[in-house]
Amino acid sequence: MTPPPSGSDRPRERLRTLGAGALAAREFVALLVGSGGAHGSAGVVADRILELADGSFRRLATLDVAALDGIAGVGAATVTRVLAAIELGRMVAVEKPVVRERIQGPGDVFLRLGPRLRDLPQEEFHALLLDTRHRILREVLVTRGTLDASLISPREVFRLAVLEGAAAVILAHNHPSGDPTPSPDDRAVTRQIVEAGRALGIPVLDHVIVGDGRFTSLAEEGGMG
């Protein structure tokens, strides 16, 4: 049975303006068909494909190349797109969920970054972008070199935090000397970024300074501004 028309011959525009949830099965297949031709519009060809599959995507997934090739208006490019879309669907269905690392305190930050930062010959300033449960969404290298409050731009930290939908941020950097005692510039950078986070509603939870086998947490010191 051919699925009823969606009432639109512009599925690409509907997808962009209304989202995927607004599209009918016929429209998804029409997107794979692309443009119509001598054998009919993309919607008409989509109807033929779905009719062969009895209106079922699961049935469509069982069809072979020869069956699809036999549909009027379906060429090699369309067959390739349909088969690729089916395989992508299978991959999504079997892919394991991403287990995000959760940060519960400065010790977790040190365990994640300490081995990588402690032996570097120069300072690296990183930001961990967190979700509402303090799981890491992304780790960002903000700058490399001597930490100077005049050179650090909170804009870069929070631009990425906004793009990732981060609920909070943790800062971290290393001291090549091995001594994690905060410097005046460390404290100035922290205050600068904390203030920017307050303005944006994205709190900065901590600034962890990595040394040789030890660390300092400015949050535990009460140095978060």
Protein backbone atom coordinates (compact mmCIF):
# COMPACT_ATOMS: atom_id res chain seq x y z
CA MET A 1 0.00 0.00 0.00
CA THR A 2 1.37 3.41 -0.98
CA PRO A 3 1.71 5.77 2.00
CA PRO A 4 -0.42 8.90 1.69
CA PRO A 5 1.27 12.05 0.45
CA SER A 6 2.58 14.36 3.14
CA GLY A 7 1.00 17.42 1.62
CA SER A 8 4.39 18.86 0.67
CA ASP A 9 6.76 18.33 -2.23
CA ARG A 10 9.55 20.17 -0.38
CA PRO A 11 10.82 17.75 2.27
CA ARG A 12 14.27 19.36 2.37
CA GLU A 13 12.80 22.70 3.40
CA ARG A 14 10.43 21.06 5.89
CA LEU A 15 13.32 19.18 7.47
CA ARG A 16 15.31 22.38 7.92
CA THR A 17 12.46 24.49 9.27
CA LEU A 18 10.37 21.96 11.21
CA GLY A 19 12.84 19.22 12.11
CA ALA A 20 12.97 15.52 11.27
CA GLY A 21 10.01 14.69 13.51
CA ALA A 22 7.66 16.56 11.20
CA LEU A 23 8.44 14.42 8.13
CA ALA A 24 6.50 11.36 6.96
CA ALA A 25 8.16 8.17 5.72
CA ARG A 26 7.50 9.18 2.12
CA GLU A 27 9.41 12.43 2.62
CA PHE A 28 12.48 10.72 4.07
CA VAL A 29 12.65 8.41 1.07
CA ALA A 30 12.08 11.36 -1.28
CA LEU A 31 15.13 13.03 0.26
CA LEU A 32 17.17 9.94 -0.66
CA VAL A 33 15.78 9.97 -4.19
CA GLY A 34 16.84 13.61 -4.56
CA SER A 35 15.30 15.18 -7.64
CA GLY A 36 12.70 13.74 -9.93
CA GLY A 37 12.99 13.05 -13.64
CA ALA A 38 11.21 11.59 -16.61
CA HIS A 39 9.70 8.84 -14.44
CA GLY A 40 8.11 11.25 -11.96
CA SER A 41 8.88 13.53 -9.05
CA ALA A 42 11.00 12.48 -6.09
CA GLY A 43 7.79 11.95 -4.12
CA VAL A 44 6.32 9.68 -6.79
CA VAL A 45 9.50 7.60 -6.94
CA ALA A 46 9.51 7.43 -3.13
CA ASP A 47 5.96 6.08 -3.26
CA ARG A 48 7.09 3.30 -5.60
CA ILE A 49 9.98 2.36 -3.33
CA LEU A 50 7.75 2.21 -0.27
CA GLU A 51 5.05 0.29 -2.18
CA LEU A 52 7.62 -2.39 -3.05
CA ALA A 53 8.52 -2.54 0.65
CA ASP A 54 4.85 -2.66 1.76
CA GLY A 55 5.35 0.72 3.46
CA SER A 56 7.86 -0.77 5.92
CA PHE A 57 11.40 0.44 6.48
CA ARG A 58 12.29 -2.96 7.92
CA ARG A 59 11.05 -4.59 4.73
CA LEU A 60 12.97 -1.99 2.70
CA ALA A 61 16.13 -3.02 4.53
CA THR A 62 15.74 -6.58 3.20
CA LEU A 63 15.50 -5.57 -0.47
CA ASP A 64 18.53 -6.21 -2.64
CA VAL A 65 20.09 -4.03 -5.32
CA ALA A 66 18.26 -5.81 -8.14
CA ALA A 67 14.87 -5.15 -6.59
CA LEU A 68 15.59 -1.46 -6.15
CA ASP A 69 17.12 -1.16 -9.61
CA GLY A 70 13.86 -2.45 -11.09
CA ILE A 71 11.84 0.54 -9.83
CA ALA A 72 11.09 3.18 -12.45
CA GLY A 73 13.04 6.35 -11.66
CA VAL A 74 15.57 4.64 -9.38
CA GLY A 75 19.11 4.76 -10.67
CA ALA A 76 22.44 3.59 -9.29
CA ALA A 77 22.95 6.78 -7.24
CA THR A 78 19.57 6.43 -5.53
CA VAL A 79 20.18 2.75 -4.78
CA THR A 80 23.51 3.67 -3.20
CA ARG A 81 21.92 6.38 -1.02
CA VAL A 82 19.11 4.09 0.11
CA LEU A 83 21.49 1.27 1.03
CA ALA A 84 23.82 3.70 2.82
CA ALA A 85 20.91 5.15 4.84
CA ILE A 86 19.78 1.67 5.84
CA GLU A 87 23.29 0.75 6.98
CA LEU A 88 23.62 3.98 8.96
CA GLY A 89 20.36 3.12 10.70
CA ARG A 90 21.71 -0.31 11.63
CA MET A 91 24.92 1.23 12.97
CA VAL A 92 22.98 3.68 15.15
CA ALA A 93 20.80 0.87 16.48
CA VAL A 94 23.74 -1.26 17.63
CA GLU A 95 26.11 1.49 18.74
CA LYS A 96 26.81 1.42 22.46
CA PRO A 97 25.93 4.54 24.45
CA VAL A 98 28.80 6.90 25.23
CA VAL A 99 29.90 6.63 28.85
CA ARG A 100 31.05 10.08 29.89
CA GLU A 101 33.61 10.51 32.62
CA ARG A 102 32.16 12.21 35.69
CA ILE A 103 34.17 14.75 37.68
CA GLN A 104 33.41 14.60 41.41
CA GLY A 105 36.31 16.68 42.70
CA PRO A 106 39.79 18.04 41.93
CA GLY A 107 41.31 14.59 42.39
CA ASP A 108 39.39 13.40 39.33
CA VAL A 109 40.74 16.35 37.33
CA PHE A 110 44.28 15.46 38.43
CA LEU A 111 43.79 11.80 37.49
CA ARG A 112 42.63 12.80 34.01
CA LEU A 113 45.11 15.57 33.23
CA GLY A 114 48.02 15.04 35.63
CA PRO A 115 49.87 12.31 33.70
CA ARG A 116 49.69 14.39 30.51
CA LEU A 117 50.52 17.83 31.94
CA ARG A 118 52.99 17.25 34.76
CA ASP A 119 56.11 16.75 32.61
CA LEU A 120 55.46 19.38 29.95
CA PRO A 121 58.22 21.99 29.55
CA GLN A 122 55.67 24.80 29.25
CA GLU A 123 52.30 25.65 30.71
CA GLU A 124 49.07 24.46 29.08
CA PHE A 125 45.73 25.89 30.13
CA HIS A 126 42.75 23.55 29.67
CA ALA A 127 39.02 23.74 30.29
CA LEU A 128 36.74 20.78 30.99
CA LEU A 129 33.20 21.44 29.78
CA LEU A 130 30.64 19.61 31.92
CA ASP A 131 26.97 18.68 31.70
CA THR A 132 24.45 19.07 34.53
CA ARG A 133 25.74 15.87 36.18
CA HIS A 134 29.36 17.05 35.94
CA ARG A 135 30.18 14.58 33.18
CA ILE A 136 32.78 15.71 30.66
CA LEU A 137 31.34 16.90 27.36
CA ARG A 138 34.63 18.09 25.96
CA GLU A 139 38.18 19.00 26.95
CA VAL A 140 39.52 22.21 25.44
CA LEU A 141 43.11 23.42 25.15
CA VAL A 142 42.68 27.17 25.70
CA THR A 143 46.28 28.31 25.44
CA ARG A 144 49.86 27.10 25.57
CA GLY A 145 52.65 29.13 27.17
CA THR A 146 53.09 31.29 30.26
CA LEU A 147 49.76 31.97 31.94
CA ASP A 148 49.16 35.70 31.76
CA ALA A 149 45.84 37.27 32.71
CA SER A 150 46.25 39.85 29.95
CA LEU A 151 46.55 37.12 27.29
CA ILE A 152 43.73 34.77 28.36
CA SER A 153 40.40 35.34 26.62
CA PRO A 154 37.35 34.03 28.49
CA ARG A 155 35.53 34.44 25.18
CA GLU A 156 37.19 31.33 23.73
CA VAL A 157 36.38 29.19 26.79
CA PHE A 158 32.74 30.18 26.90
CA ARG A 159 32.18 30.24 23.14
CA LEU A 160 32.86 26.52 23.10
CA ALA A 161 30.95 26.01 26.36
CA VAL A 162 27.85 27.58 24.82
CA LEU A 163 28.23 25.55 21.60
CA GLU A 164 28.50 22.32 23.62
CA GLY A 165 25.57 23.24 25.88
CA ALA A 166 27.86 23.02 28.93
CA ALA A 167 26.32 23.54 32.36
CA ALA A 168 29.64 24.21 34.11
CA VAL A 169 33.38 24.54 33.51
CA ILE A 170 36.51 23.42 35.33
CA LEU A 171 39.85 25.04 34.58
CA ALA A 172 43.21 23.31 34.83
CA HIS A 173 46.83 24.04 33.98
CA ASN A 174 50.29 22.82 34.90
CA HIS A 175 53.36 24.32 36.53
CA PRO A 176 56.49 22.96 34.83
CA SER A 177 58.43 23.69 38.04
CA GLY A 178 56.45 20.88 39.71
CA ASP A 179 55.20 23.24 42.44
CA PRO A 180 51.41 23.71 42.14
CA THR A 181 51.30 26.80 44.38
CA PRO A 182 49.04 29.38 42.68
CA SER A 183 50.76 32.48 41.34
CA PRO A 184 49.18 35.97 41.27
CA ASP A 185 48.51 35.48 37.54
CA ASP A 186 46.81 32.14 38.27
CA ARG A 187 44.46 33.89 40.66
CA ALA A 188 43.86 36.80 38.28
CA VAL A 189 43.00 34.47 35.39
CA THR A 190 40.65 32.53 37.63
CA ARG A 191 38.79 35.67 38.78
CA GLN A 192 38.52 36.89 35.20
CA ILE A 193 36.98 33.65 33.91
CA VAL A 194 34.77 33.14 36.97
CA GLU A 195 33.26 36.61 36.44
CA ALA A 196 32.63 35.89 32.76
CA GLY A 197 30.98 32.59 33.72
CA ARG A 198 28.68 34.32 36.19
CA ALA A 199 27.57 36.76 33.51
CA LEU A 200 26.74 33.88 31.15
CA GLY A 201 25.19 31.61 33.78
CA ILE A 202 27.89 28.95 33.33
CA PRO A 203 29.67 28.54 36.68
CA VAL A 204 33.38 27.83 36.93
CA LEU A 205 33.59 25.12 39.58
CA ASP A 206 37.34 24.93 40.12
CA HIS A 207 40.79 25.74 38.83
CA VAL A 208 43.18 22.84 39.39
CA ILE A 209 46.91 23.47 39.14
CA VAL A 210 48.92 20.37 38.29
CA GLY A 211 52.39 19.86 39.75
CA ASP A 212 54.77 16.93 40.04
CA GLY A 213 52.69 14.25 41.75
CA ARG A 214 50.44 16.78 43.49
CA PHE A 215 47.94 19.51 42.73
CA THR A 216 46.25 22.58 44.15
CA SER A 217 42.52 23.24 43.93
CA LEU A 218 41.63 26.93 44.05
CA ALA A 219 38.06 25.95 44.97
CA GLU A 220 39.31 24.13 48.05
CA GLU A 221 41.48 27.14 48.89
CA GLY A 222 38.52 29.48 48.56
CA GLY A 223 40.23 31.24 45.67
CA MET A 224 37.43 31.20 43.09
CA GLY A 225 36.64 34.88 43.47
